N, C-alpha and C. Protein backbone atom coordinates (compact mmCIF):
# COMPACT_ATOMS: atom_id res chain seq x y z
N MET A 1 8.63 29.90 -3.46
CA MET A 1 8.37 29.10 -2.34
C MET A 1 7.03 28.76 -2.11
N PHE A 2 6.17 29.89 -2.09
CA PHE A 2 4.60 29.73 -2.06
C PHE A 2 4.04 28.92 -3.05
N LYS A 3 4.69 29.09 -4.35
CA LYS A 3 4.12 28.29 -5.45
C LYS A 3 4.44 26.89 -5.19
N TRP A 4 5.53 26.40 -4.71
CA TRP A 4 5.92 25.06 -4.56
C TRP A 4 4.93 24.42 -3.39
N PHE A 5 4.64 25.36 -2.45
CA PHE A 5 3.77 24.69 -1.27
C PHE A 5 2.38 24.67 -1.94
N LYS A 6 1.78 25.53 -2.78
CA LYS A 6 0.53 25.25 -3.37
C LYS A 6 0.55 23.97 -4.31
N ILE A 7 1.65 23.68 -4.99
CA ILE A 7 1.69 22.55 -5.82
C ILE A 7 1.69 21.39 -4.87
N VAL A 8 2.43 21.28 -3.83
CA VAL A 8 2.61 20.15 -2.90
C VAL A 8 1.16 19.80 -2.24
N MET A 9 0.64 20.97 -1.90
CA MET A 9 -0.80 20.81 -1.16
C MET A 9 -1.81 20.37 -2.15
N LEU A 10 -1.69 20.80 -3.47
CA LEU A 10 -2.68 20.31 -4.58
C LEU A 10 -2.56 18.80 -4.84
N GLY A 11 -1.28 18.41 -4.91
CA GLY A 11 -0.92 17.09 -5.08
C GLY A 11 -1.38 16.21 -3.96
N THR A 12 -1.22 16.63 -2.70
CA THR A 12 -1.77 15.97 -1.51
C THR A 12 -3.23 15.74 -1.50
N LEU A 13 -3.80 16.84 -1.85
CA LEU A 13 -5.35 16.90 -1.95
C LEU A 13 -5.93 15.90 -3.18
N VAL A 14 -5.15 15.91 -4.08
CA VAL A 14 -5.57 14.91 -5.17
C VAL A 14 -5.39 13.62 -4.72
N PHE A 15 -4.30 13.24 -4.01
CA PHE A 15 -4.11 11.92 -3.63
C PHE A 15 -5.08 11.52 -2.52
N LEU A 16 -5.34 12.35 -1.51
CA LEU A 16 -6.28 12.16 -0.62
C LEU A 16 -7.69 12.06 -1.12
N GLY A 17 -8.04 12.69 -2.25
CA GLY A 17 -9.43 12.51 -2.82
C GLY A 17 -9.52 11.33 -3.63
N ALA A 18 -8.41 10.88 -4.16
CA ALA A 18 -8.27 9.46 -4.89
C ALA A 18 -8.43 8.29 -3.86
N CYS A 19 -7.98 8.61 -2.64
CA CYS A 19 -7.86 7.42 -1.71
C CYS A 19 -9.25 7.02 -1.27
N GLN A 20 -9.18 5.57 -1.33
CA GLN A 20 -10.45 4.89 -1.15
C GLN A 20 -10.42 4.20 0.14
N SER A 21 -11.56 4.21 0.83
CA SER A 21 -11.62 3.31 2.16
C SER A 21 -12.56 2.21 1.80
N ASN A 22 -12.04 0.98 1.99
CA ASN A 22 -12.76 -0.05 1.48
C ASN A 22 -13.47 -0.93 2.72
N GLU A 23 -14.71 -1.50 2.26
CA GLU A 23 -15.41 -2.25 3.24
C GLU A 23 -14.69 -3.50 3.41
N VAL A 24 -14.57 -4.08 4.53
CA VAL A 24 -13.79 -5.33 4.82
C VAL A 24 -14.55 -6.54 4.33
N ALA A 25 -14.04 -7.32 3.51
CA ALA A 25 -14.77 -8.57 3.00
C ALA A 25 -14.89 -9.77 4.29
N GLU A 26 -16.06 -10.20 4.37
CA GLU A 26 -16.31 -11.29 5.18
C GLU A 26 -15.83 -12.67 4.45
N GLU A 27 -16.03 -12.66 3.26
CA GLU A 27 -15.80 -13.91 2.42
C GLU A 27 -14.26 -13.94 1.77
N PRO A 28 -13.67 -15.02 1.83
CA PRO A 28 -12.39 -15.15 1.44
C PRO A 28 -12.29 -14.75 -0.14
N TYR A 29 -11.01 -14.12 -0.56
CA TYR A 29 -10.81 -13.87 -1.92
C TYR A 29 -10.78 -15.25 -2.69
N GLU A 30 -11.54 -15.32 -3.71
CA GLU A 30 -11.48 -16.57 -4.63
C GLU A 30 -11.15 -16.30 -5.91
N GLY A 31 -10.40 -15.40 -6.17
CA GLY A 31 -9.97 -14.89 -7.65
C GLY A 31 -8.74 -15.66 -7.93
N THR A 32 -8.10 -15.30 -9.11
CA THR A 32 -6.80 -15.75 -9.73
C THR A 32 -5.77 -15.79 -8.69
N PRO A 33 -4.80 -16.70 -8.79
CA PRO A 33 -3.64 -16.68 -7.90
C PRO A 33 -2.87 -15.44 -8.14
N LEU A 34 -2.23 -14.87 -6.91
CA LEU A 34 -1.55 -13.71 -7.07
C LEU A 34 -0.08 -13.81 -6.36
N LYS A 35 0.94 -13.25 -6.91
CA LYS A 35 2.26 -13.36 -6.49
C LYS A 35 2.51 -11.97 -5.73
N ILE A 36 2.85 -12.03 -4.43
CA ILE A 36 3.04 -10.77 -3.70
C ILE A 36 4.31 -10.84 -3.08
N ALA A 37 5.09 -9.91 -3.19
CA ALA A 37 6.35 -9.78 -2.54
C ALA A 37 6.16 -9.16 -1.14
N VAL A 38 6.72 -9.70 -0.19
CA VAL A 38 6.63 -9.23 1.06
C VAL A 38 8.13 -8.94 1.79
N VAL A 39 8.11 -7.68 2.31
CA VAL A 39 9.47 -7.41 2.91
C VAL A 39 9.01 -7.35 4.47
N GLY A 40 9.56 -8.46 5.20
CA GLY A 40 9.11 -8.62 6.48
C GLY A 40 8.54 -10.18 6.43
N GLU A 41 7.92 -10.42 7.69
CA GLU A 41 7.10 -11.67 7.88
C GLU A 41 5.95 -11.87 6.83
N LYS A 42 5.80 -13.01 6.29
CA LYS A 42 4.58 -13.38 5.60
C LYS A 42 3.48 -13.35 6.46
N PRO A 43 2.26 -12.68 5.99
CA PRO A 43 1.08 -12.62 6.72
C PRO A 43 0.58 -14.13 6.55
N GLU A 44 -0.30 -14.50 7.68
CA GLU A 44 -1.16 -15.55 7.66
C GLU A 44 -2.44 -15.35 7.25
N VAL A 45 -2.92 -15.94 6.05
CA VAL A 45 -4.15 -15.65 5.38
C VAL A 45 -4.88 -17.03 5.15
N ARG A 46 -6.12 -16.84 4.90
CA ARG A 46 -6.89 -18.13 4.65
C ARG A 46 -6.79 -18.57 3.11
N GLU A 47 -6.40 -17.60 2.18
CA GLU A 47 -6.53 -17.98 0.84
C GLU A 47 -5.29 -18.79 0.42
N GLU A 48 -5.47 -19.88 -0.26
CA GLU A 48 -4.24 -20.82 -0.56
C GLU A 48 -3.68 -20.41 -1.89
N GLN A 49 -4.55 -19.66 -2.75
CA GLN A 49 -3.95 -19.23 -4.10
C GLN A 49 -2.99 -17.95 -4.05
N ILE A 50 -2.66 -17.54 -2.89
CA ILE A 50 -1.81 -16.35 -2.68
C ILE A 50 -0.44 -16.90 -2.57
N ILE A 51 0.44 -16.40 -3.42
CA ILE A 51 1.94 -16.88 -3.25
C ILE A 51 2.75 -15.74 -2.71
N PHE A 52 3.25 -15.87 -1.50
CA PHE A 52 4.08 -14.81 -1.03
C PHE A 52 5.62 -15.06 -1.22
N LYS A 53 6.29 -14.08 -1.55
CA LYS A 53 7.73 -14.34 -1.63
C LYS A 53 8.62 -13.26 -0.73
N THR A 54 9.21 -13.79 0.37
CA THR A 54 9.83 -12.76 1.27
C THR A 54 11.17 -12.30 0.59
N LEU A 55 11.23 -10.98 0.57
CA LEU A 55 12.57 -10.38 0.05
C LEU A 55 12.89 -9.27 0.99
N SER A 56 14.10 -8.80 0.95
CA SER A 56 14.67 -7.59 1.68
C SER A 56 14.26 -6.37 0.63
N LEU A 57 14.46 -5.21 1.19
CA LEU A 57 14.05 -3.98 0.36
C LEU A 57 15.16 -4.02 -0.69
N GLU A 58 16.26 -4.42 -0.50
CA GLU A 58 17.33 -4.33 -1.68
C GLU A 58 17.07 -5.39 -2.70
N GLU A 59 16.43 -6.58 -2.31
CA GLU A 59 16.15 -7.53 -3.24
C GLU A 59 14.85 -7.07 -4.18
N LEU A 60 13.94 -6.50 -3.44
CA LEU A 60 12.81 -5.78 -4.12
C LEU A 60 13.27 -4.77 -5.16
N TYR A 61 14.21 -3.98 -4.68
CA TYR A 61 14.72 -2.90 -5.47
C TYR A 61 15.30 -3.37 -6.80
N ARG A 62 15.86 -4.59 -6.72
CA ARG A 62 16.67 -5.18 -7.85
C ARG A 62 15.78 -5.97 -8.76
N SER A 63 14.55 -6.38 -8.25
CA SER A 63 13.56 -7.15 -8.96
C SER A 63 12.93 -6.36 -10.16
N HIS A 64 12.33 -7.33 -11.07
CA HIS A 64 11.67 -6.72 -12.24
C HIS A 64 10.15 -6.47 -11.76
N SER A 65 9.66 -5.31 -12.34
CA SER A 65 8.36 -4.85 -11.84
C SER A 65 7.27 -5.92 -12.24
N ASP A 66 7.45 -6.60 -13.23
CA ASP A 66 6.25 -7.66 -13.63
C ASP A 66 6.45 -9.04 -12.90
N LYS A 67 7.41 -9.05 -11.99
CA LYS A 67 7.58 -10.36 -11.23
C LYS A 67 6.45 -10.60 -10.21
N TYR A 68 5.96 -9.48 -9.54
CA TYR A 68 4.94 -9.40 -8.60
C TYR A 68 3.68 -8.67 -8.86
N ASP A 69 2.63 -9.09 -8.40
CA ASP A 69 1.29 -8.41 -8.65
C ASP A 69 1.17 -7.30 -7.48
N ALA A 70 1.91 -7.34 -6.37
CA ALA A 70 1.71 -6.41 -5.40
C ALA A 70 2.96 -6.70 -4.35
N VAL A 71 3.11 -5.50 -3.61
CA VAL A 71 4.16 -5.53 -2.57
C VAL A 71 3.61 -5.25 -1.26
N PHE A 72 3.99 -6.05 -0.27
CA PHE A 72 3.52 -5.77 1.27
C PHE A 72 4.84 -5.41 1.85
N ILE A 73 4.82 -4.43 2.68
CA ILE A 73 5.95 -4.00 3.53
C ILE A 73 5.32 -4.01 4.96
N ARG A 74 6.06 -4.80 5.82
CA ARG A 74 5.71 -4.84 7.25
C ARG A 74 6.34 -3.78 8.07
N GLU A 75 5.84 -3.63 9.28
CA GLU A 75 6.04 -2.42 10.20
C GLU A 75 7.58 -2.44 10.43
N GLU A 76 8.27 -3.48 10.61
CA GLU A 76 9.69 -3.31 11.06
C GLU A 76 10.61 -2.81 9.97
N HIS A 77 10.06 -2.61 8.84
CA HIS A 77 10.96 -2.09 7.60
C HIS A 77 10.54 -0.74 7.24
N PHE A 78 9.49 -0.06 7.90
CA PHE A 78 9.09 1.21 7.48
C PHE A 78 10.08 2.36 7.43
N SER A 79 10.92 2.37 8.46
CA SER A 79 12.00 3.44 8.55
C SER A 79 12.85 3.38 7.17
N ASP A 80 13.42 2.13 7.02
CA ASP A 80 14.22 2.02 5.88
C ASP A 80 13.53 2.42 4.41
N ALA A 81 12.15 1.73 4.42
CA ALA A 81 11.19 1.94 3.22
C ALA A 81 11.05 3.36 2.83
N SER A 82 11.23 4.18 3.88
CA SER A 82 10.79 5.65 3.62
C SER A 82 12.03 6.49 3.11
N HIS A 83 13.34 5.80 3.02
CA HIS A 83 14.40 6.45 2.33
C HIS A 83 14.14 6.70 0.92
N LYS A 84 14.81 7.73 0.34
CA LYS A 84 14.62 8.17 -0.99
C LYS A 84 14.60 7.10 -2.04
N LYS A 85 15.63 6.38 -1.96
CA LYS A 85 16.00 5.15 -2.97
C LYS A 85 14.76 4.29 -3.02
N TYR A 86 14.08 3.91 -2.13
CA TYR A 86 12.96 2.95 -2.04
C TYR A 86 11.69 3.88 -2.31
N VAL A 87 11.62 4.95 -1.91
CA VAL A 87 10.43 5.87 -2.16
C VAL A 87 10.33 5.94 -3.71
N GLU A 88 11.48 6.15 -4.48
CA GLU A 88 11.41 6.24 -5.82
C GLU A 88 11.24 4.84 -6.46
N MET A 89 11.55 3.76 -5.75
CA MET A 89 11.23 2.44 -6.34
C MET A 89 9.71 2.14 -6.33
N PHE A 90 9.01 2.55 -5.23
CA PHE A 90 7.71 2.43 -5.17
C PHE A 90 6.88 3.02 -6.42
N LYS A 91 7.42 4.13 -6.63
CA LYS A 91 6.81 4.78 -7.80
C LYS A 91 7.07 4.28 -9.21
N LYS A 92 8.42 3.68 -9.38
CA LYS A 92 8.65 3.02 -10.69
C LYS A 92 8.23 1.82 -10.82
N LYS A 93 7.86 0.98 -9.78
CA LYS A 93 7.61 -0.51 -9.98
C LYS A 93 6.10 -0.50 -10.37
N ARG A 94 5.32 0.45 -10.41
CA ARG A 94 3.94 0.52 -11.02
C ARG A 94 3.01 -0.64 -10.56
N VAL A 95 3.27 -1.32 -9.36
CA VAL A 95 2.46 -2.21 -8.78
C VAL A 95 1.97 -1.80 -7.47
N PRO A 96 0.78 -2.23 -7.00
CA PRO A 96 0.23 -1.63 -5.77
C PRO A 96 1.31 -1.93 -4.75
N SER A 97 1.45 -0.96 -3.89
CA SER A 97 2.27 -1.20 -2.65
C SER A 97 1.54 -1.04 -1.31
N PHE A 98 1.46 -1.96 -0.43
CA PHE A 98 0.69 -1.94 0.74
C PHE A 98 1.60 -2.01 2.05
N PHE A 99 1.21 -1.16 3.06
CA PHE A 99 2.17 -0.84 4.33
C PHE A 99 1.09 -1.48 5.41
N VAL A 100 1.56 -2.49 6.02
CA VAL A 100 0.75 -3.26 6.93
C VAL A 100 1.11 -2.67 8.43
N ALA A 101 0.13 -2.04 8.88
CA ALA A 101 0.17 -1.49 10.31
C ALA A 101 1.02 -0.21 10.32
N SER A 102 0.96 0.67 9.28
CA SER A 102 1.53 1.83 9.23
C SER A 102 0.73 2.82 10.00
N LYS A 103 1.44 3.54 10.92
CA LYS A 103 0.76 4.66 11.75
C LYS A 103 0.90 5.97 10.90
N ALA A 104 1.54 5.88 9.82
CA ALA A 104 1.60 7.16 9.06
C ALA A 104 1.04 7.07 7.75
N ASN A 105 0.15 5.96 7.59
CA ASN A 105 -0.51 5.79 6.26
C ASN A 105 0.52 5.49 5.23
N THR A 106 0.37 6.17 3.91
CA THR A 106 1.46 6.02 2.96
C THR A 106 2.26 7.31 2.85
N ILE A 107 2.10 8.35 3.60
CA ILE A 107 2.72 9.56 3.37
C ILE A 107 4.22 9.49 3.29
N PRO A 108 5.02 8.73 4.15
CA PRO A 108 6.55 8.81 3.91
C PRO A 108 6.93 7.88 2.80
N PHE A 109 6.11 7.25 2.07
CA PHE A 109 6.62 6.31 1.00
C PHE A 109 6.17 6.86 -0.21
N GLN A 110 5.71 8.00 -0.42
CA GLN A 110 5.26 8.56 -1.66
C GLN A 110 6.43 9.49 -2.12
N ASP A 111 6.63 9.84 -3.22
CA ASP A 111 7.67 10.78 -3.95
C ASP A 111 7.06 12.26 -3.81
N LEU A 112 7.32 12.99 -2.67
CA LEU A 112 6.77 14.33 -2.49
C LEU A 112 7.99 15.32 -2.48
N GLU A 113 7.47 16.54 -2.72
CA GLU A 113 8.69 17.63 -2.83
C GLU A 113 9.37 17.71 -1.49
N ASN A 114 8.62 17.52 -0.40
CA ASN A 114 9.27 17.55 0.98
C ASN A 114 9.21 16.25 1.71
N PRO A 115 10.05 15.43 1.42
CA PRO A 115 9.96 14.03 2.00
C PRO A 115 9.86 14.05 3.54
N ILE A 116 9.29 13.08 4.15
CA ILE A 116 9.29 13.14 5.72
C ILE A 116 9.68 11.53 6.04
N SER A 117 10.28 11.47 7.10
CA SER A 117 10.65 10.04 7.60
C SER A 117 9.43 9.44 8.15
N TYR A 118 9.52 8.17 8.07
CA TYR A 118 8.43 7.25 8.85
C TYR A 118 8.17 7.80 10.11
N LYS A 119 9.28 7.88 11.04
CA LYS A 119 8.99 8.16 12.29
C LYS A 119 8.41 9.50 12.58
N GLU A 120 8.80 10.45 11.88
CA GLU A 120 8.10 11.74 12.00
C GLU A 120 6.64 11.72 11.44
N ALA A 121 6.37 11.11 10.49
CA ALA A 121 4.97 10.97 9.97
C ALA A 121 4.08 10.27 10.92
N ALA A 122 4.65 9.20 11.34
CA ALA A 122 3.84 8.33 12.30
C ALA A 122 3.52 9.15 13.66
N LYS A 123 4.36 9.98 13.99
CA LYS A 123 4.19 10.74 15.30
C LYS A 123 3.18 11.73 14.96
N LYS A 124 3.04 12.38 13.90
CA LYS A 124 2.08 13.48 13.55
C LYS A 124 0.65 12.82 13.03
N ILE A 125 0.73 11.73 12.64
CA ILE A 125 -0.63 11.10 11.91
C ILE A 125 -1.20 10.16 13.09
N ASN A 126 -0.31 9.27 13.52
CA ASN A 126 -0.81 8.34 14.56
C ASN A 126 -2.17 7.45 14.24
N ASP A 127 -1.97 7.01 13.06
CA ASP A 127 -3.32 6.27 12.68
C ASP A 127 -3.33 4.77 13.20
N THR A 128 -4.22 4.67 13.90
CA THR A 128 -4.61 3.28 14.63
C THR A 128 -5.91 2.58 14.18
N GLN A 129 -6.57 3.30 13.35
CA GLN A 129 -7.89 2.89 12.74
C GLN A 129 -7.59 1.83 11.57
N ASN A 130 -6.59 2.14 10.78
CA ASN A 130 -6.47 1.52 9.62
C ASN A 130 -5.32 0.39 9.65
N TYR A 131 -5.57 -0.79 9.29
CA TYR A 131 -4.53 -1.75 9.40
C TYR A 131 -3.66 -1.78 8.12
N ILE A 132 -4.31 -1.68 7.03
CA ILE A 132 -3.30 -1.68 5.80
C ILE A 132 -3.63 -0.41 5.00
N SER A 133 -2.72 0.29 4.49
CA SER A 133 -2.82 1.37 3.59
C SER A 133 -1.93 1.19 2.38
N GLY A 134 -2.40 1.62 1.24
CA GLY A 134 -1.53 1.25 0.11
C GLY A 134 -1.66 2.41 -0.93
N PHE A 135 -0.95 2.18 -2.05
CA PHE A 135 -1.02 3.17 -3.09
C PHE A 135 -0.45 2.61 -4.32
N LEU A 136 -0.70 3.10 -5.54
CA LEU A 136 -0.14 2.71 -6.83
C LEU A 136 0.06 3.97 -7.67
N TYR A 137 1.25 4.25 -8.06
CA TYR A 137 1.57 5.50 -8.84
C TYR A 137 1.08 5.20 -10.33
N GLU A 138 0.19 5.93 -10.82
CA GLU A 138 -0.36 5.71 -12.30
C GLU A 138 0.26 6.50 -13.28
N GLY A 139 1.14 7.43 -13.10
CA GLY A 139 1.81 8.17 -14.03
C GLY A 139 1.73 9.77 -13.58
N ALA A 140 2.40 10.36 -14.32
CA ALA A 140 2.47 12.04 -14.04
C ALA A 140 1.06 12.63 -13.97
N ASP A 141 0.31 12.24 -15.14
CA ASP A 141 -0.99 13.00 -15.26
C ASP A 141 -1.99 12.37 -14.10
N GLU A 142 -1.92 11.09 -13.81
CA GLU A 142 -2.98 10.59 -12.90
C GLU A 142 -2.38 10.56 -11.54
N GLY A 143 -1.36 10.72 -11.21
CA GLY A 143 -0.82 10.71 -9.86
C GLY A 143 -0.80 9.40 -9.22
N TYR A 144 -1.14 9.33 -7.85
CA TYR A 144 -1.25 8.31 -6.99
C TYR A 144 -2.68 7.93 -6.77
N GLN A 145 -3.04 6.53 -6.83
CA GLN A 145 -4.19 6.05 -6.41
C GLN A 145 -4.15 5.39 -4.98
N GLY A 146 -4.88 5.72 -3.93
CA GLY A 146 -4.66 5.18 -2.65
C GLY A 146 -5.77 4.27 -2.07
N TRP A 147 -5.51 3.51 -1.18
CA TRP A 147 -6.42 2.76 -0.44
C TRP A 147 -6.12 2.55 1.11
N LYS A 148 -7.19 2.60 1.88
CA LYS A 148 -7.02 2.44 3.23
C LYS A 148 -8.03 1.27 3.60
N PHE A 149 -7.54 0.32 4.56
CA PHE A 149 -8.35 -0.87 4.84
C PHE A 149 -8.47 -0.81 6.41
N SER A 150 -9.55 -0.53 6.91
CA SER A 150 -9.67 -0.28 8.32
C SER A 150 -10.06 -1.54 9.10
N TYR A 151 -9.65 -1.58 10.37
CA TYR A 151 -10.09 -2.69 11.22
C TYR A 151 -11.71 -2.74 11.20
N PRO A 152 -12.39 -3.93 11.20
CA PRO A 152 -13.81 -3.92 11.44
C PRO A 152 -14.31 -3.46 12.70
N VAL A 153 -15.29 -2.94 12.73
CA VAL A 153 -15.89 -2.45 14.10
C VAL A 153 -17.10 -3.24 14.26
N LYS A 154 -17.26 -3.77 15.52
CA LYS A 154 -18.52 -4.59 15.82
C LYS A 154 -18.93 -4.12 17.17
N ASN A 155 -20.19 -3.67 17.29
CA ASN A 155 -20.73 -3.15 18.62
C ASN A 155 -19.88 -2.15 19.27
N SER A 156 -19.48 -1.04 18.30
CA SER A 156 -18.68 0.03 18.67
C SER A 156 -17.31 -0.31 19.14
N GLU A 157 -16.88 -1.40 18.92
CA GLU A 157 -15.60 -1.89 19.17
C GLU A 157 -14.67 -2.36 18.12
N ILE A 158 -13.53 -1.75 17.87
CA ILE A 158 -12.55 -2.02 16.88
C ILE A 158 -12.13 -3.51 17.17
N GLN A 159 -12.14 -4.35 16.06
CA GLN A 159 -11.85 -5.73 16.09
C GLN A 159 -10.50 -5.94 15.57
N ARG A 160 -9.44 -5.93 16.28
CA ARG A 160 -8.02 -5.82 15.82
C ARG A 160 -7.56 -7.35 15.68
N GLU A 161 -8.36 -8.34 16.32
CA GLU A 161 -7.83 -9.81 16.32
C GLU A 161 -7.82 -10.36 14.99
N ASN A 162 -8.94 -10.14 14.27
CA ASN A 162 -9.19 -10.94 13.02
C ASN A 162 -9.04 -10.10 11.91
N VAL A 163 -7.84 -10.26 11.15
CA VAL A 163 -7.43 -9.33 10.09
C VAL A 163 -7.60 -10.08 8.72
N GLN A 164 -8.29 -11.29 8.81
CA GLN A 164 -8.30 -12.13 7.51
C GLN A 164 -9.14 -11.52 6.43
N GLY A 165 -10.20 -10.78 6.80
CA GLY A 165 -11.06 -10.14 6.00
C GLY A 165 -10.44 -8.92 5.34
N ILE A 166 -9.56 -8.30 6.01
CA ILE A 166 -8.85 -7.20 5.51
C ILE A 166 -7.88 -7.71 4.40
N TYR A 167 -7.14 -8.70 4.50
CA TYR A 167 -6.32 -9.22 3.59
C TYR A 167 -7.09 -9.63 2.27
N SER A 168 -8.22 -10.33 2.57
CA SER A 168 -9.07 -10.68 1.35
C SER A 168 -9.43 -9.51 0.53
N THR A 169 -9.81 -8.34 1.25
CA THR A 169 -10.10 -7.25 0.53
C THR A 169 -9.07 -6.82 -0.22
N VAL A 170 -7.82 -6.67 0.47
CA VAL A 170 -6.73 -6.22 -0.40
C VAL A 170 -6.44 -7.19 -1.60
N PHE A 171 -6.59 -8.39 -1.36
CA PHE A 171 -6.54 -9.18 -2.66
C PHE A 171 -7.24 -8.92 -3.78
N LYS A 172 -8.55 -8.49 -3.41
CA LYS A 172 -9.44 -8.18 -4.52
C LYS A 172 -9.14 -6.96 -5.17
N VAL A 173 -8.57 -6.00 -4.42
CA VAL A 173 -8.11 -4.77 -5.07
C VAL A 173 -6.83 -5.04 -5.90
N VAL A 174 -6.09 -5.88 -5.48
CA VAL A 174 -4.81 -6.26 -6.29
C VAL A 174 -5.21 -6.85 -7.63
N GLU A 175 -6.23 -7.72 -7.54
CA GLU A 175 -6.70 -8.43 -8.87
C GLU A 175 -7.38 -7.45 -9.61
N LYS A 176 -8.05 -6.58 -9.22
CA LYS A 176 -8.75 -5.48 -9.89
C LYS A 176 -7.70 -4.73 -10.75
N GLU A 177 -6.64 -4.28 -9.93
CA GLU A 177 -5.55 -3.43 -10.59
C GLU A 177 -4.74 -4.41 -11.70
N TRP A 178 -4.50 -5.65 -11.32
CA TRP A 178 -3.80 -6.35 -12.39
C TRP A 178 -4.59 -6.59 -13.62
N ASN A 179 -5.97 -6.73 -13.34
CA ASN A 179 -6.85 -6.79 -14.66
C ASN A 179 -6.84 -5.53 -15.35
N LYS A 180 -6.86 -4.42 -14.66
CA LYS A 180 -6.96 -3.09 -15.30
C LYS A 180 -5.50 -2.84 -16.14
N ALA A 181 -4.42 -3.16 -15.41
CA ALA A 181 -3.06 -3.04 -16.19
C ALA A 181 -2.98 -4.05 -17.34
N SER A 182 -3.50 -5.34 -17.19
CA SER A 182 -3.43 -6.33 -18.32
C SER A 182 -4.26 -5.71 -19.43
N SER A 183 -5.30 -5.09 -19.35
CA SER A 183 -6.10 -4.77 -20.35
C SER A 183 -5.42 -3.59 -21.17
N ILE A 184 -4.70 -2.71 -20.30
CA ILE A 184 -3.83 -1.64 -20.95
C ILE A 184 -2.74 -2.17 -21.86
N ARG A 185 -2.12 -3.19 -21.16
CA ARG A 185 -0.92 -3.93 -21.95
C ARG A 185 -1.33 -4.64 -23.17
N GLY A 186 -2.62 -4.93 -23.35
CA GLY A 186 -3.10 -5.55 -24.33
C GLY A 186 -3.29 -6.99 -24.24
């Protein structure tokens, strides 16, 4: 039992150590067009080259991994997305998965030894600083790479109204991961 606890804690520390907090971009994303699957309402963004496809979790589950460059899950679907079936899906898809307005970061959506529901994790963590958090499972040896995208702060005040820069920063991460995966595929 203690051995499993140590393994889970080590895995969590590795994930948290790999987690990156990103500076929010002021300028729009101007990179290559991206195809993003969205479970929930499509976000309003300033970039015209972003193609959003609205899907249910079940449709996302049945879709091919290479069909989308990233996945966005919106708040109203977090409880369902934290079920084991979908947690395993996020791991198998091998594309960045982002959770918009998650008070639990990505904890309930990762394949851990002791899974926790979104509701339980949100109650414990209650993250209100980060607007988007995400991860990408890179394999058994590498584990999870994670990101957090905080609301901008201006004059010591959190700016929750304008999230356009946060999305632009997320798109830059998606492009970087897509380029990295493309170079590996050859």
